Amino acid sequence: MADRRATSSELYAMSKHLAVKCSQSEVAYLNCKDKYNHPEDCLQEAKAVIKCSENLLLELYDKAPQEFKDCVECLDYYTLDLKKCHKELKALEQAAPLDGK
């Protein structure tokens, strides 16, 4: 799993976790994009965001494998409709709390 990117369903499933755990790198990337016009000027910041999301993906599969899988499968089935996967998202947040405990 180390050399693959997250699917859309995985990104949706971990969206709240991303907002909490990767916010610093995301803000640094967005600030860089505001400051510079050329995409290459922000490659370091972009790589930091990707690395953070990859680490989080591995962490969720490690800490809450079944809950994360159930959430991803629900989102796949319901075409990324978060409202229809509320039960699975709550179970994921209980198994892998947003505060990291």
N, C-alpha and C. Protein backbone atom coordinates (compact mmCIF):
# COMPACT_ATOMS: atom_id res chain seq x y z
N MET A 1 0.82 -1.20 0.00
CA MET A 1 0.00 0.00 0.00
C MET A 1 0.86 1.26 0.00
N ALA A 2 2.13 1.14 0.23
CA ALA A 2 3.00 2.30 0.39
C ALA A 2 3.10 3.17 -0.86
N ASP A 3 3.00 2.59 -2.04
CA ASP A 3 3.20 3.37 -3.26
C ASP A 3 1.91 3.64 -4.03
N ARG A 4 0.83 3.85 -3.35
CA ARG A 4 -0.40 4.16 -4.04
C ARG A 4 -1.07 5.38 -3.43
N ARG A 5 -1.85 6.04 -4.22
CA ARG A 5 -2.58 7.21 -3.75
C ARG A 5 -3.95 6.79 -3.25
N ALA A 6 -4.51 7.58 -2.38
CA ALA A 6 -5.84 7.32 -1.84
C ALA A 6 -6.90 7.48 -2.94
N THR A 7 -7.92 6.65 -2.86
CA THR A 7 -9.04 6.77 -3.79
C THR A 7 -9.95 7.92 -3.33
N SER A 8 -10.88 8.30 -4.17
CA SER A 8 -11.84 9.34 -3.79
C SER A 8 -12.61 8.95 -2.54
N SER A 9 -13.06 7.70 -2.49
CA SER A 9 -13.82 7.24 -1.33
C SER A 9 -12.98 7.28 -0.07
N GLU A 10 -11.72 6.92 -0.17
CA GLU A 10 -10.84 6.98 1.00
C GLU A 10 -10.63 8.43 1.44
N LEU A 11 -10.45 9.33 0.50
CA LEU A 11 -10.26 10.74 0.84
C LEU A 11 -11.52 11.32 1.50
N TYR A 12 -12.68 10.96 0.98
CA TYR A 12 -13.92 11.42 1.60
C TYR A 12 -14.05 10.85 3.01
N ALA A 13 -13.75 9.56 3.17
CA ALA A 13 -13.87 8.91 4.48
C ALA A 13 -12.95 9.55 5.51
N MET A 14 -11.79 9.99 5.08
CA MET A 14 -10.84 10.56 6.03
C MET A 14 -10.82 12.09 6.00
N SER A 15 -11.83 12.71 5.41
CA SER A 15 -11.82 14.16 5.24
C SER A 15 -11.72 14.93 6.56
N LYS A 16 -12.46 14.51 7.57
CA LYS A 16 -12.38 15.21 8.86
C LYS A 16 -11.01 15.02 9.49
N HIS A 17 -10.46 13.81 9.37
CA HIS A 17 -9.14 13.54 9.90
C HIS A 17 -8.08 14.38 9.17
N LEU A 18 -8.25 14.51 7.86
CA LEU A 18 -7.32 15.34 7.08
C LEU A 18 -7.36 16.79 7.56
N ALA A 19 -8.56 17.29 7.80
CA ALA A 19 -8.72 18.68 8.24
C ALA A 19 -8.01 18.92 9.57
N VAL A 20 -7.99 17.91 10.42
CA VAL A 20 -7.35 18.05 11.73
C VAL A 20 -5.85 17.80 11.64
N LYS A 21 -5.47 16.70 11.03
CA LYS A 21 -4.07 16.27 11.08
C LYS A 21 -3.17 16.88 10.02
N CYS A 22 -3.74 17.34 8.92
CA CYS A 22 -2.90 17.87 7.83
C CYS A 22 -3.13 19.36 7.59
N SER A 23 -3.78 20.03 8.53
CA SER A 23 -4.14 21.43 8.31
C SER A 23 -2.92 22.33 8.14
N GLN A 24 -1.85 22.09 8.89
CA GLN A 24 -0.68 22.96 8.78
C GLN A 24 -0.05 22.88 7.40
N SER A 25 0.11 21.67 6.89
CA SER A 25 0.72 21.54 5.56
C SER A 25 -0.22 22.06 4.47
N GLU A 26 -1.53 21.88 4.66
CA GLU A 26 -2.49 22.40 3.69
C GLU A 26 -2.47 23.93 3.65
N VAL A 27 -2.41 24.55 4.82
CA VAL A 27 -2.37 26.02 4.89
C VAL A 27 -1.07 26.53 4.26
N ALA A 28 0.04 25.88 4.54
CA ALA A 28 1.32 26.29 3.95
C ALA A 28 1.27 26.20 2.43
N TYR A 29 0.65 25.15 1.92
CA TYR A 29 0.51 24.99 0.47
C TYR A 29 -0.38 26.09 -0.13
N LEU A 30 -1.51 26.35 0.49
CA LEU A 30 -2.42 27.38 -0.02
C LEU A 30 -1.78 28.76 0.04
N ASN A 31 -1.03 29.04 1.11
CA ASN A 31 -0.33 30.33 1.21
C ASN A 31 0.72 30.46 0.12
N CYS A 32 1.41 29.37 -0.15
CA CYS A 32 2.41 29.38 -1.22
C CYS A 32 1.77 29.65 -2.57
N LYS A 33 0.64 28.98 -2.82
CA LYS A 33 -0.06 29.19 -4.10
C LYS A 33 -0.53 30.63 -4.25
N ASP A 34 -0.92 31.26 -3.14
CA ASP A 34 -1.33 32.67 -3.19
C ASP A 34 -0.15 33.57 -3.50
N LYS A 35 1.02 33.19 -3.04
CA LYS A 35 2.21 34.02 -3.18
C LYS A 35 2.88 33.88 -4.55
N TYR A 36 2.86 32.67 -5.12
CA TYR A 36 3.57 32.40 -6.37
C TYR A 36 2.62 31.96 -7.47
N ASN A 37 2.95 32.30 -8.70
CA ASN A 37 2.12 31.93 -9.83
C ASN A 37 2.53 30.62 -10.49
N HIS A 38 3.78 30.25 -10.34
CA HIS A 38 4.28 29.06 -11.02
C HIS A 38 4.15 27.84 -10.10
N PRO A 39 3.51 26.76 -10.59
CA PRO A 39 3.29 25.58 -9.76
C PRO A 39 4.56 24.98 -9.15
N GLU A 40 5.68 25.07 -9.85
CA GLU A 40 6.92 24.49 -9.34
C GLU A 40 7.42 25.18 -8.08
N ASP A 41 6.99 26.40 -7.87
CA ASP A 41 7.42 27.14 -6.68
C ASP A 41 6.85 26.55 -5.39
N CYS A 42 5.83 25.72 -5.50
CA CYS A 42 5.17 25.17 -4.32
C CYS A 42 5.26 23.64 -4.25
N LEU A 43 6.22 23.07 -4.95
CA LEU A 43 6.34 21.61 -4.96
C LEU A 43 6.63 21.04 -3.58
N GLN A 44 7.47 21.69 -2.82
CA GLN A 44 7.81 21.20 -1.49
C GLN A 44 6.56 21.16 -0.61
N GLU A 45 5.76 22.21 -0.66
CA GLU A 45 4.54 22.27 0.14
C GLU A 45 3.52 21.23 -0.33
N ALA A 46 3.43 21.05 -1.65
CA ALA A 46 2.51 20.05 -2.20
C ALA A 46 2.92 18.65 -1.77
N LYS A 47 4.21 18.37 -1.79
CA LYS A 47 4.70 17.06 -1.37
C LYS A 47 4.42 16.82 0.12
N ALA A 48 4.47 17.86 0.91
CA ALA A 48 4.17 17.73 2.34
C ALA A 48 2.70 17.37 2.56
N VAL A 49 1.80 17.95 1.77
CA VAL A 49 0.38 17.62 1.87
C VAL A 49 0.14 16.16 1.46
N ILE A 50 0.78 15.75 0.37
CA ILE A 50 0.62 14.36 -0.10
C ILE A 50 1.17 13.39 0.93
N LYS A 51 2.32 13.68 1.49
CA LYS A 51 2.93 12.81 2.50
C LYS A 51 2.03 12.69 3.73
N CYS A 52 1.47 13.80 4.16
CA CYS A 52 0.59 13.79 5.32
C CYS A 52 -0.65 12.92 5.04
N SER A 53 -1.24 13.06 3.87
CA SER A 53 -2.43 12.26 3.54
C SER A 53 -2.08 10.78 3.40
N GLU A 54 -0.92 10.47 2.85
CA GLU A 54 -0.48 9.07 2.75
C GLU A 54 -0.27 8.46 4.13
N ASN A 55 0.36 9.22 5.02
CA ASN A 55 0.58 8.74 6.39
C ASN A 55 -0.74 8.53 7.12
N LEU A 56 -1.67 9.45 6.92
CA LEU A 56 -2.97 9.33 7.55
C LEU A 56 -3.73 8.12 7.02
N LEU A 57 -3.66 7.87 5.74
CA LEU A 57 -4.30 6.70 5.14
C LEU A 57 -3.79 5.42 5.81
N LEU A 58 -2.47 5.31 5.93
CA LEU A 58 -1.87 4.14 6.59
C LEU A 58 -2.29 4.05 8.05
N GLU A 59 -2.34 5.18 8.71
CA GLU A 59 -2.72 5.21 10.12
C GLU A 59 -4.16 4.72 10.31
N LEU A 60 -5.07 5.17 9.45
CA LEU A 60 -6.47 4.75 9.59
C LEU A 60 -6.64 3.27 9.29
N TYR A 61 -5.93 2.77 8.29
CA TYR A 61 -6.00 1.34 8.02
C TYR A 61 -5.37 0.53 9.15
N ASP A 62 -4.46 1.13 9.90
CA ASP A 62 -3.83 0.45 11.04
C ASP A 62 -4.71 0.51 12.28
N LYS A 63 -5.23 1.71 12.60
CA LYS A 63 -5.99 1.92 13.83
C LYS A 63 -7.43 1.41 13.76
N ALA A 64 -8.05 1.55 12.62
CA ALA A 64 -9.47 1.21 12.49
C ALA A 64 -9.74 0.55 11.14
N PRO A 65 -9.11 -0.58 10.89
CA PRO A 65 -9.21 -1.18 9.55
C PRO A 65 -10.63 -1.51 9.11
N GLN A 66 -11.41 -2.12 9.99
CA GLN A 66 -12.77 -2.51 9.58
C GLN A 66 -13.68 -1.29 9.43
N GLU A 67 -13.59 -0.36 10.36
CA GLU A 67 -14.42 0.84 10.30
C GLU A 67 -14.10 1.67 9.08
N PHE A 68 -12.82 1.79 8.78
CA PHE A 68 -12.42 2.56 7.61
C PHE A 68 -12.89 1.87 6.33
N LYS A 69 -12.71 0.57 6.27
CA LYS A 69 -13.15 -0.21 5.11
C LYS A 69 -14.66 -0.09 4.92
N ASP A 70 -15.41 -0.21 6.00
CA ASP A 70 -16.87 -0.09 5.92
C ASP A 70 -17.28 1.29 5.42
N CYS A 71 -16.62 2.30 5.89
CA CYS A 71 -16.91 3.68 5.47
C CYS A 71 -16.60 3.87 3.99
N VAL A 72 -15.45 3.39 3.56
CA VAL A 72 -15.05 3.51 2.15
C VAL A 72 -16.03 2.76 1.26
N GLU A 73 -16.42 1.57 1.65
CA GLU A 73 -17.37 0.78 0.84
C GLU A 73 -18.73 1.46 0.77
N CYS A 74 -19.17 2.05 1.87
CA CYS A 74 -20.44 2.78 1.87
C CYS A 74 -20.37 3.97 0.91
N LEU A 75 -19.29 4.71 0.97
CA LEU A 75 -19.12 5.87 0.09
C LEU A 75 -19.03 5.45 -1.37
N ASP A 76 -18.39 4.32 -1.63
CA ASP A 76 -18.37 3.78 -3.00
C ASP A 76 -19.78 3.47 -3.46
N TYR A 77 -20.53 2.80 -2.61
CA TYR A 77 -21.88 2.35 -2.96
C TYR A 77 -22.81 3.54 -3.20
N TYR A 78 -22.72 4.55 -2.34
CA TYR A 78 -23.62 5.71 -2.43
C TYR A 78 -22.99 6.89 -3.16
N THR A 79 -22.04 6.64 -4.01
CA THR A 79 -21.42 7.66 -4.86
C THR A 79 -20.97 8.89 -4.06
N LEU A 80 -20.22 8.63 -2.99
CA LEU A 80 -19.59 9.66 -2.17
C LEU A 80 -20.58 10.55 -1.42
N ASP A 81 -21.79 10.06 -1.18
CA ASP A 81 -22.78 10.83 -0.43
C ASP A 81 -22.55 10.63 1.07
N LEU A 82 -21.90 11.58 1.68
CA LEU A 82 -21.54 11.48 3.10
C LEU A 82 -22.77 11.31 4.00
N LYS A 83 -23.89 11.92 3.63
CA LYS A 83 -25.10 11.84 4.45
C LYS A 83 -25.60 10.41 4.57
N LYS A 84 -25.42 9.62 3.53
CA LYS A 84 -25.93 8.25 3.55
C LYS A 84 -24.99 7.30 4.28
N CYS A 85 -23.82 7.78 4.66
CA CYS A 85 -22.83 6.95 5.36
C CYS A 85 -22.54 7.48 6.75
N HIS A 86 -23.51 8.17 7.32
CA HIS A 86 -23.34 8.79 8.64
C HIS A 86 -22.96 7.76 9.71
N LYS A 87 -23.64 6.63 9.72
CA LYS A 87 -23.37 5.58 10.71
C LYS A 87 -21.93 5.09 10.62
N GLU A 88 -21.46 4.85 9.40
CA GLU A 88 -20.09 4.37 9.18
C GLU A 88 -19.06 5.43 9.55
N LEU A 89 -19.35 6.69 9.24
CA LEU A 89 -18.43 7.77 9.59
C LEU A 89 -18.32 7.93 11.11
N LYS A 90 -19.44 7.81 11.81
CA LYS A 90 -19.43 7.90 13.28
C LYS A 90 -18.60 6.76 13.88
N ALA A 91 -18.77 5.55 13.32
CA ALA A 91 -18.01 4.39 13.81
C ALA A 91 -16.52 4.61 13.59
N LEU A 92 -16.15 5.19 12.45
CA LEU A 92 -14.75 5.48 12.17
C LEU A 92 -14.20 6.51 13.16
N GLU A 93 -14.96 7.55 13.43
CA GLU A 93 -14.52 8.58 14.37
C GLU A 93 -14.39 8.04 15.79
N GLN A 94 -15.20 7.05 16.14
CA GLN A 94 -15.08 6.44 17.47
C GLN A 94 -13.83 5.54 17.54
N ALA A 95 -13.58 4.80 16.46
CA ALA A 95 -12.42 3.90 16.44
C ALA A 95 -11.10 4.65 16.27
N ALA A 96 -11.14 5.75 15.54
CA ALA A 96 -9.95 6.59 15.32
C ALA A 96 -10.35 8.04 15.57
N PRO A 97 -10.37 8.44 16.84
CA PRO A 97 -10.83 9.79 17.19
C PRO A 97 -10.04 10.89 16.49
N LEU A 98 -10.74 11.97 16.21
CA LEU A 98 -10.13 13.10 15.52
C LEU A 98 -9.02 13.74 16.34
N ASP A 99 -9.10 13.63 17.65
CA ASP A 99 -8.06 14.22 18.49
C ASP A 99 -6.84 13.34 18.64
N GLY A 100 -6.88 12.16 17.98
CA GLY A 100 -5.71 11.30 17.95
C GLY A 100 -5.52 10.39 19.14
N LYS A 101 -6.44 10.40 20.08
CA LYS A 101 -6.30 9.56 21.28
C LYS A 101 -6.68 8.13 21.01
